[in-house]
C-alpha atoms as a PDB file:
ATOM      1  CA  MET A   1     -18.683 -64.938-106.833  1.00  0.00           C
ATOM      2  CA  ARG A   2     -18.062 -65.326-103.098  1.00  0.00           C
ATOM      3  CA  LYS A   3     -18.853 -68.707-101.624  1.00  0.00           C
ATOM      4  CA  GLU A   4     -19.132 -67.737 -97.964  1.00  0.00           C
ATOM      5  CA  CYS A   5     -20.458 -64.835 -95.969  1.00  0.00           C
ATOM      6  CA  ASN A   6     -17.785 -62.481 -94.694  1.00  0.00           C
ATOM      7  CA  LEU A   7     -19.085 -61.954 -91.176  1.00  0.00           C
ATOM      8  CA  GLU A   8     -15.780 -60.389 -90.143  1.00  0.00           C
ATOM      9  CA  GLN A   9     -16.332 -57.468 -92.525  1.00  0.00           C
ATOM     10  CA  LEU A  10     -19.775 -56.830 -91.019  1.00  0.00           C
ATOM     11  CA  VAL A  11     -18.381 -57.028 -87.484  1.00  0.00           C
ATOM     12  CA  LYS A  12     -15.626 -54.557 -88.381  1.00  0.00           C
ATOM     13  CA  ALA A  13     -18.190 -52.235 -89.955  1.00  0.00           C
ATOM     14  CA  ILE A  14     -20.329 -52.278 -86.805  1.00  0.00           C
ATOM     15  CA  ILE A  15     -17.317 -51.685 -84.557  1.00  0.00           C
ATOM     16  CA  ALA A  16     -16.306 -48.732 -86.737  1.00  0.00           C
ATOM     17  CA  ILE A  17     -19.589 -46.923 -86.025  1.00  0.00           C
ATOM     18  CA  GLU A  18     -18.793 -43.857 -83.940  1.00  0.00           C
ATOM     19  CA  ASN A  19     -22.183 -42.485 -82.907  1.00  0.00           C
ATOM     20  CA  GLU A  20     -25.942 -42.986 -83.015  1.00  0.00           C
ATOM     21  CA  GLU A  21     -26.400 -41.002 -86.220  1.00  0.00           C
ATOM     22  CA  GLU A  22     -23.825 -43.113 -88.079  1.00  0.00           C
ATOM     23  CA  CYS A  23     -25.475 -46.229 -86.698  1.00  0.00           C
ATOM     24  CA  ARG A  24     -28.950 -45.180 -87.862  1.00  0.00           C
ATOM     25  CA  GLU A  25     -27.621 -44.305 -91.314  1.00  0.00           C
ATOM     26  CA  PHE A  26     -25.740 -47.602 -91.621  1.00  0.00           C
ATOM     27  CA  LEU A  27     -28.692 -49.686 -90.465  1.00  0.00           C
ATOM     28  CA  SER A  28     -31.034 -47.811 -92.812  1.00  0.00           C
ATOM     29  CA  ASP A  29     -28.726 -48.518 -95.732  1.00  0.00           C
ATOM     30  CA  ILE A  30     -27.907 -52.133 -94.952  1.00  0.00           C
ATOM     31  CA  CYS A  31     -31.382 -53.320 -93.843  1.00  0.00           C
ATOM     32  CA  THR A  32     -34.845 -53.011 -95.271  1.00  0.00           C
ATOM     33  CA  TYR A  33     -37.528 -51.414 -93.125  1.00  0.00           C
ATOM     34  CA  GLN A  34     -39.001 -54.868 -92.425  1.00  0.00           C
ATOM     35  CA  GLU A  35     -35.606 -56.269 -91.418  1.00  0.00           C
ATOM     36  CA  LEU A  36     -35.063 -53.388 -89.014  1.00  0.00           C
ATOM     37  CA  GLU A  37     -38.537 -53.890 -87.606  1.00  0.00           C
ATOM     38  CA  LYS A  38     -37.757 -57.577 -86.932  1.00  0.00           C
ATOM     39  CA  LEU A  39     -34.437 -56.734 -85.276  1.00  0.00           C
ATOM     40  CA  VAL A  40     -36.142 -54.182 -83.030  1.00  0.00           C
ATOM     41  CA  GLN A  41     -38.853 -56.708 -82.210  1.00  0.00           C
ATOM     42  CA  ARG A  42     -36.281 -59.342 -81.216  1.00  0.00           C
ATOM     43  CA  LEU A  43     -34.382 -56.905 -79.010  1.00  0.00           C
ATOM     44  CA  GLU A  44     -37.621 -55.797 -77.321  1.00  0.00           C
ATOM     45  CA  ALA A  45     -38.590 -59.427 -76.759  1.00  0.00           C
ATOM     46  CA  ALA A  46     -35.185 -60.186 -75.231  1.00  0.00           C
ATOM     47  CA  GLN A  47     -35.552 -57.186 -72.909  1.00  0.00           C
ATOM     48  CA  LEU A  48     -38.984 -58.345 -71.781  1.00  0.00           C
ATOM     49  CA  LEU A  49     -37.720 -61.894 -71.190  1.00  0.00           C
ATOM     50  CA  LEU A  50     -34.827 -60.443 -69.182  1.00  0.00           C
ATOM     51  CA  GLU A  51     -37.430 -58.597 -67.086  1.00  0.00           C
ATOM     52  CA  GLY A  52     -39.154 -61.930 -66.373  1.00  0.00           C
ATOM     53  CA  LYS A  53     -42.186 -61.529 -68.642  1.00  0.00           C
ATOM     54  CA  THR A  54     -43.983 -64.664 -69.825  1.00  0.00           C
ATOM     55  CA  TYR A  55     -44.128 -65.755 -73.479  1.00  0.00           C
ATOM     56  CA  GLU A  56     -47.761 -64.669 -73.594  1.00  0.00           C
ATOM     57  CA  GLN A  57     -46.929 -61.200 -72.257  1.00  0.00           C
ATOM     58  CA  VAL A  58     -44.026 -60.787 -74.683  1.00  0.00           C
ATOM     59  CA  ILE A  59     -46.132 -61.842 -77.662  1.00  0.00           C
ATOM     60  CA  GLN A  60     -48.889 -59.452 -76.622  1.00  0.00           C
ATOM     61  CA  GLU A  61     -46.505 -56.510 -76.128  1.00  0.00           C
ATOM     62  CA  THR A  62     -44.333 -57.032 -79.219  1.00  0.00           C
ATOM     63  CA  ASN A  63     -46.554 -58.942 -81.663  1.00  0.00           C
ATOM     64  CA  ILE A  64     -43.613 -61.312 -82.225  1.00  0.00           C
ATOM     65  CA  SER A  65     -44.308 -64.789 -83.596  1.00  0.00           C
ATOM     66  CA  SER A  66     -44.024 -67.668 -81.154  1.00  0.00           C
ATOM     67  CA  THR A  67     -41.361 -69.254 -83.378  1.00  0.00           C
ATOM     68  CA  THR A  68     -39.177 -66.142 -83.305  1.00  0.00           C
ATOM     69  CA  LEU A  69     -39.757 -65.684 -79.596  1.00  0.00           C
ATOM     70  CA  SER A  70     -38.691 -69.272 -79.009  1.00  0.00           C
ATOM     71  CA  ARG A  71     -35.458 -68.599 -80.908  1.00  0.00           C
ATOM     72  CA  VAL A  72     -34.793 -65.419 -78.914  1.00  0.00           C
ATOM     73  CA  SER A  73     -35.453 -67.318 -75.690  1.00  0.00           C
ATOM     74  CA  ARG A  74     -33.069 -70.130 -76.688  1.00  0.00           C
ATOM     75  CA  CYS A  75     -30.383 -67.546 -77.447  1.00  0.00           C
ATOM     76  CA  MET A  76     -30.995 -65.922 -74.069  1.00  0.00           C
ATOM     77  CA  LYS A  77     -30.627 -69.272 -72.278  1.00  0.00           C
ATOM     78  CA  TYR A  78     -28.042 -71.153 -74.318  1.00  0.00           C
ATOM     79  CA  GLY A  79     -26.457 -68.660 -76.689  1.00  0.00           C
ATOM     80  CA  ASN A  80     -23.346 -66.530 -76.486  1.00  0.00           C
ATOM     81  CA  ASN A  81     -24.896 -63.964 -74.103  1.00  0.00           C
ATOM     82  CA  GLY A  82     -25.059 -61.389 -76.886  1.00  0.00           C
ATOM     83  CA  TYR A  83     -28.543 -60.168 -75.992  1.00  0.00           C
ATOM     84  CA  LYS A  84     -27.793 -60.044 -72.258  1.00  0.00           C
ATOM     85  CA  THR A  85     -24.471 -58.252 -72.713  1.00  0.00           C
ATOM     86  CA  ILE A  86     -25.880 -55.538 -74.963  1.00  0.00           C
ATOM     87  CA  LEU A  87     -29.118 -55.110 -73.007  1.00  0.00           C
ATOM     88  CA  ASN A  88     -27.176 -54.791 -69.747  1.00  0.00           C
ATOM     89  CA  LYS A  89     -24.995 -52.112 -71.342  1.00  0.00           C
ATOM     90  CA  ILE A  90     -28.062 -50.246 -72.621  1.00  0.00           C
ATOM     91  CA  ASN A  91     -29.872 -50.538 -69.295  1.00  0.00           C
ATOM     92  CA  ASN A  92     -26.818 -49.373 -67.335  1.00  0.00           C
ATOM     93  CA  LYS A  93     -26.513 -46.275 -69.550  1.00  0.00           C
ATOM     94  CA  LYS A  94     -30.177 -45.448 -68.899  1.00  0.00           C
ATOM     95  CA  GLU A  95     -29.470 -45.426 -65.157  1.00  0.00           C
ATOM     96  CA  ASP A  96     -26.508 -43.004 -65.507  1.00  0.00           C
END
């Protein structure tokens, strides 16, 4: 039995994804519907916070819990810039 999570294997798996179809298939296999829903909700909340929306507006638009929103907000302010980096990449592709 493994004692620790092998995050590196997951990171390598994600990096190996070549297109949107592969990504959808991988996410569908590795996550439950509810887990995917929560991930989508967090990403939407991060986008809305990046746009300057208030907690109240984000909660109303995403139906996210205040606890989860607080965690997303902390990550946006003090984390590793993961949300901001990815959202900026997504937003820049939309403009192209």
